[in-house]
Amino acid sequence: MSESTPAAPSTESVIEIEGLKKIYDMGRVKVEALAGVDVDIKRNEFVAIMGPSGSGKSTLMNLLGCLDTPTEGTYRLNGQEVSNLDDNELATVRNGEIGFVFQTFNLLPRATALHNVELPLIYAGLSSRERKKKALHALDIVSLADRSDHRPNELSGGQRQRVAIARALVNDPAILLADEPTGNLDSKTSLEVMDLFIRLHDQGQTVILVTHEPDIAKYAHRVISFLDGLIVRDERQTPRRLGLQASSG
């Protein structure tokens, strides 16, 4: 992938969180996974969220992705208050505003790359013709349009993750949420995937990734560190850059 000039972060907030708490009722014990968090993320930021196991970073990821609702506090996504939405309303927000990338890819094993990428568009009610057009475009963004008829077992780990990224992008989401996106990849393929995230950010995409790897967090422009349900560090940094070429591997 060739170098490009990064898009400057907007002054407009895409995520606004105030006093966010999440308490899990474990019978006689209540576990405070988030203890009152304030976060403001601007459009076109590239943010890494770090912390040890049990620090609250995965809970925050679930709340950001509208997979769960907070016990207290407010969360505005793209100006919409989503803290108190019901399950159906949250599903609508997830499908239209959020692109997910998972460590385990979460691809349908018997479906082609094209069909896997089309899935969010089926839920959105698009016609077959429009779904195919948008899915092929998303696969082209990740340099896999020529593998559109391949199934996951016919693709390498890096290619499978790039299909997953194409699926996350197909609805033009406000934010791209990546949960340990390099966790199942070797070091070379991890760099190729991070190079893709960098390019997407350079083109204007807001990227938020959860990682336990400091070397991966170095590619972000901002690192938010969690401990015991609280933010203990929120720092901007000069990101590491890559100059890789697109690969089919």
Protein backbone atom coordinates (compact mmCIF):
# COMPACT_ATOMS: atom_id res chain seq x y z
CA MET A 1 0.00 0.00 0.00
CA SER A 2 1.40 3.36 -0.92
CA GLU A 3 1.93 6.20 1.55
CA SER A 4 -0.85 8.77 1.67
CA THR A 5 -1.40 11.99 3.56
CA PRO A 6 -3.47 11.31 6.69
CA ALA A 7 -6.77 13.12 6.96
CA ALA A 8 -6.77 15.55 9.87
CA PRO A 9 -9.07 14.59 12.76
CA SER A 10 -12.29 16.57 12.76
CA THR A 11 -13.26 18.89 15.61
CA GLU A 12 -16.63 17.10 15.61
CA SER A 13 -17.09 14.35 18.19
CA VAL A 14 -18.26 10.99 16.92
CA ILE A 15 -18.27 9.46 20.43
CA GLU A 16 -19.20 11.36 23.61
CA ILE A 17 -19.23 9.42 26.88
CA GLU A 18 -19.94 10.89 30.30
CA GLY A 19 -19.94 9.12 33.67
CA LEU A 20 -20.23 5.67 32.08
CA LYS A 21 -20.60 2.82 34.57
CA LYS A 22 -21.23 -0.87 34.07
CA ILE A 23 -22.03 -3.05 37.07
CA TYR A 24 -22.57 -6.79 36.68
CA ASP A 25 -24.79 -8.47 39.30
CA MET A 26 -23.13 -11.80 40.14
CA GLY A 27 -25.61 -12.82 42.82
CA ARG A 28 -24.21 -11.78 46.18
CA VAL A 29 -21.39 -9.88 44.50
CA LYS A 30 -21.61 -6.86 42.25
CA VAL A 31 -18.69 -6.30 39.88
CA GLU A 32 -18.04 -2.75 38.73
CA ALA A 33 -16.46 -3.29 35.31
CA LEU A 34 -16.54 0.45 34.50
CA ALA A 35 -16.39 2.88 37.39
CA GLY A 36 -17.32 6.19 35.76
CA VAL A 37 -15.62 6.90 32.46
CA ASP A 38 -15.53 10.10 30.40
CA VAL A 39 -14.31 9.82 26.79
CA ASP A 40 -14.56 12.11 23.79
CA ILE A 41 -13.39 10.76 20.41
CA LYS A 42 -13.33 12.99 17.36
CA ARG A 43 -14.23 11.94 13.87
CA ASN A 44 -11.22 10.42 12.05
CA GLU A 45 -9.23 9.66 15.18
CA PHE A 46 -7.19 6.44 15.37
CA VAL A 47 -7.44 5.27 18.99
CA ALA A 48 -5.99 2.21 20.72
CA ILE A 49 -7.59 1.00 23.95
CA MET A 50 -5.26 -0.95 26.24
CA GLY A 51 -5.30 -2.57 29.65
CA PRO A 52 -4.79 -5.89 31.40
CA SER A 53 -7.46 -8.57 31.61
CA GLY A 54 -10.36 -7.33 33.75
CA SER A 55 -9.41 -3.66 33.36
CA GLY A 56 -12.67 -2.68 31.66
CA LYS A 57 -11.47 -2.28 28.08
CA SER A 58 -13.62 -5.12 26.70
CA THR A 59 -16.66 -3.83 28.59
CA LEU A 60 -16.11 -0.40 27.04
CA MET A 61 -15.79 -2.03 23.61
CA ASN A 62 -19.15 -3.79 24.08
CA LEU A 63 -20.78 -0.52 25.10
CA LEU A 64 -19.21 1.41 22.21
CA GLY A 65 -20.44 -1.28 19.84
CA CYS A 66 -23.99 -1.13 21.26
CA LEU A 67 -23.71 -4.78 22.24
CA ASP A 68 -24.61 -3.84 25.82
CA THR A 69 -26.07 -0.90 27.72
CA PRO A 70 -24.49 0.99 30.64
CA THR A 71 -25.74 0.87 34.21
CA GLU A 72 -25.22 4.62 34.51
CA GLY A 73 -23.99 7.46 32.34
CA THR A 74 -24.54 8.63 28.79
CA TYR A 75 -23.18 7.57 25.42
CA ARG A 76 -23.78 9.61 22.29
CA LEU A 77 -22.76 8.14 18.94
CA ASN A 78 -22.81 10.50 15.98
CA GLY A 79 -24.91 12.87 18.07
CA GLN A 80 -27.51 10.22 18.97
CA GLU A 81 -28.06 9.22 22.58
CA VAL A 82 -27.83 5.41 22.55
CA SER A 83 -27.51 4.66 26.28
CA ASN A 84 -31.20 3.89 26.76
CA LEU A 85 -32.19 2.30 23.45
CA ASP A 86 -33.98 -1.04 23.41
CA ASP A 87 -32.52 -4.13 21.72
CA ASN A 88 -34.14 -3.49 18.33
CA GLU A 89 -33.01 0.12 18.29
CA LEU A 90 -29.49 -0.89 19.28
CA ALA A 91 -29.42 -3.44 16.45
CA THR A 92 -30.34 -0.70 13.97
CA VAL A 93 -27.53 1.51 15.26
CA ARG A 94 -25.03 -1.37 15.14
CA ASN A 95 -25.84 -2.23 11.56
CA GLY A 96 -25.78 1.34 10.30
CA GLU A 97 -23.11 3.10 12.35
CA ILE A 98 -20.60 0.49 13.54
CA GLY A 99 -18.23 -1.82 11.69
CA PHE A 100 -16.87 -4.71 13.76
CA VAL A 101 -13.60 -6.56 13.24
CA PHE A 102 -12.98 -9.55 15.51
CA GLN A 103 -9.89 -11.54 16.45
CA THR A 104 -11.52 -14.76 15.20
CA PHE A 105 -12.82 -13.19 11.94
CA ASN A 106 -16.40 -14.52 12.50
CA LEU A 107 -16.90 -15.46 8.86
CA LEU A 108 -19.50 -17.97 7.67
CA PRO A 109 -17.40 -21.00 6.65
CA ARG A 110 -19.62 -22.15 3.78
CA ALA A 111 -20.19 -18.69 2.32
CA THR A 112 -17.96 -16.98 -0.23
CA ALA A 113 -16.03 -13.84 0.62
CA LEU A 114 -18.61 -11.87 -1.36
CA HIS A 115 -21.56 -13.30 0.56
CA ASN A 116 -19.81 -12.77 3.91
CA VAL A 117 -19.30 -9.10 3.06
CA GLU A 118 -22.90 -8.79 1.85
CA LEU A 119 -24.42 -9.93 5.16
CA PRO A 120 -24.87 -6.50 6.80
CA LEU A 121 -26.52 -5.28 3.59
CA ILE A 122 -29.04 -8.12 3.69
CA TYR A 123 -30.09 -6.97 7.18
CA ALA A 124 -30.27 -3.41 5.82
CA GLY A 125 -32.73 -4.54 3.15
CA LEU A 126 -30.72 -3.69 0.02
CA SER A 127 -31.46 -5.38 -3.29
CA SER A 128 -29.26 -8.23 -4.49
CA ARG A 129 -27.76 -6.06 -7.23
CA GLU A 130 -26.91 -3.21 -4.86
CA ARG A 131 -25.51 -5.62 -2.27
CA LYS A 132 -23.14 -7.17 -4.80
CA LYS A 133 -21.97 -3.78 -6.04
CA LYS A 134 -21.22 -2.46 -2.56
CA ALA A 135 -19.64 -5.74 -1.40
CA LEU A 136 -17.30 -5.89 -4.40
CA HIS A 137 -16.30 -2.30 -3.77
CA ALA A 138 -15.50 -3.11 -0.12
CA LEU A 139 -13.45 -6.14 -1.20
CA ASP A 140 -11.62 -3.94 -3.68
CA ILE A 141 -10.72 -1.54 -0.84
CA VAL A 142 -8.95 -4.40 0.95
CA SER A 143 -7.39 -5.70 -2.31
CA LEU A 144 -9.42 -8.92 -2.40
CA ALA A 145 -11.92 -8.36 -5.22
CA ASP A 146 -10.19 -11.19 -7.12
CA ARG A 147 -10.96 -13.58 -4.24
CA SER A 148 -14.67 -12.78 -4.02
CA ASP A 149 -15.76 -16.34 -4.87
CA HIS A 150 -13.38 -18.00 -2.39
CA ARG A 151 -14.59 -19.49 0.89
CA PRO A 152 -12.74 -18.86 4.18
CA ASN A 153 -10.93 -22.21 4.11
CA GLU A 154 -9.51 -21.21 0.72
CA LEU A 155 -8.01 -18.01 2.14
CA SER A 156 -5.01 -17.31 4.36
CA GLY A 157 -5.48 -15.87 7.84
CA GLY A 158 -4.58 -12.41 6.62
CA GLN A 159 -7.01 -12.65 3.73
CA ARG A 160 -9.78 -13.79 6.07
CA GLN A 161 -9.19 -10.80 8.31
CA ARG A 162 -9.26 -8.50 5.30
CA VAL A 163 -12.61 -10.00 4.27
CA ALA A 164 -13.82 -9.29 7.80
CA ILE A 165 -12.60 -5.70 7.47
CA ALA A 166 -14.42 -5.37 4.12
CA ARG A 167 -17.61 -6.62 5.82
CA ALA A 168 -17.10 -4.03 8.57
CA LEU A 169 -16.72 -1.26 5.98
CA VAL A 170 -19.57 -2.18 3.64
CA ASN A 171 -22.19 -0.01 5.38
CA ASP A 172 -19.92 3.06 5.53
CA PRO A 173 -19.88 3.02 9.35
CA ALA A 174 -19.23 6.03 11.56
CA ILE A 175 -16.69 4.01 13.54
CA LEU A 176 -14.62 0.90 12.88
CA LEU A 177 -14.25 -1.17 16.07
CA ALA A 178 -11.49 -3.78 16.03
CA ASP A 179 -11.13 -6.20 18.94
CA GLU A 180 -7.60 -7.71 18.99
CA PRO A 181 -7.60 -7.76 15.16
CA THR A 182 -4.07 -9.19 14.94
CA GLY A 183 -4.43 -11.71 17.77
CA ASN A 184 -4.66 -14.75 15.47
CA LEU A 185 -2.10 -13.59 12.91
CA ASP A 186 1.65 -14.01 12.56
CA SER A 187 3.88 -10.94 12.79
CA LYS A 188 4.19 -10.36 9.04
CA THR A 189 0.46 -10.64 8.43
CA SER A 190 -0.24 -8.45 11.47
CA LEU A 191 1.79 -5.68 9.86
CA GLU A 192 -0.17 -6.03 6.62
CA VAL A 193 -3.46 -5.75 8.51
CA MET A 194 -2.22 -2.73 10.48
CA ASP A 195 -1.08 -1.14 7.22
CA LEU A 196 -4.66 -1.50 6.00
CA PHE A 197 -6.05 0.15 9.15
CA ILE A 198 -3.58 3.00 8.66
CA ARG A 199 -4.69 3.48 5.07
CA LEU A 200 -8.37 3.46 6.07
CA HIS A 201 -7.67 6.07 8.73
CA ASP A 202 -5.73 8.17 6.21
CA GLN A 203 -8.85 8.12 4.02
CA GLY A 204 -11.03 9.49 6.83
CA GLN A 205 -12.22 6.42 8.75
CA THR A 206 -12.51 6.62 12.56
CA VAL A 207 -10.67 3.57 13.92
CA ILE A 208 -10.86 2.26 17.50
CA LEU A 209 -8.99 -0.91 18.35
CA VAL A 210 -8.62 -2.90 21.53
CA THR A 211 -5.23 -4.54 21.91
CA HIS A 212 -2.97 -5.89 24.63
CA GLU A 213 0.07 -5.52 22.37
CA PRO A 214 2.10 -2.30 22.85
CA ASP A 215 3.68 -2.76 19.42
CA ILE A 216 0.22 -2.66 17.79
CA ALA A 217 -0.89 0.35 19.86
CA LYS A 218 2.08 2.31 18.48
CA TYR A 219 0.26 2.64 15.14
CA ALA A 220 -2.57 4.63 16.75
CA HIS A 221 -2.56 8.40 17.19
CA ARG A 222 -3.99 8.14 20.70
CA VAL A 223 -3.73 5.47 23.40
CA ILE A 224 -6.31 5.15 26.20
CA SER A 225 -5.19 2.83 29.03
CA PHE A 226 -7.59 1.21 31.52
CA LEU A 227 -7.09 -0.23 34.98
CA ASP A 228 -9.77 -1.34 37.44
CA GLY A 229 -12.59 0.15 35.37
CA LEU A 230 -11.03 3.59 35.05
CA ILE A 231 -8.96 5.45 32.50
CA VAL A 232 -5.46 5.83 33.97
CA ARG A 233 -3.80 7.30 30.90
CA ASP A 234 -5.02 9.08 27.77
CA GLU A 235 -2.11 10.18 25.60
CA ARG A 236 -1.59 11.32 22.04
CA GLN A 237 1.48 10.09 20.23
CA THR A 238 3.28 10.25 16.93
CA PRO A 239 2.17 6.98 15.31
CA ARG A 240 4.45 4.43 13.78
CA ARG A 241 4.07 4.31 10.00
CA LEU A 242 4.44 1.48 7.52
CA GLY A 243 5.31 1.48 3.85
CA LEU A 244 4.05 -1.93 2.83
CA GLN A 245 2.62 -2.79 -0.56
CA ALA A 246 -0.76 -4.49 -0.89
CA SER A 247 -0.37 -8.23 -0.75
CA SER A 248 -2.57 -11.15 -1.64
CA GLY A 249 -1.11 -13.14 1.23
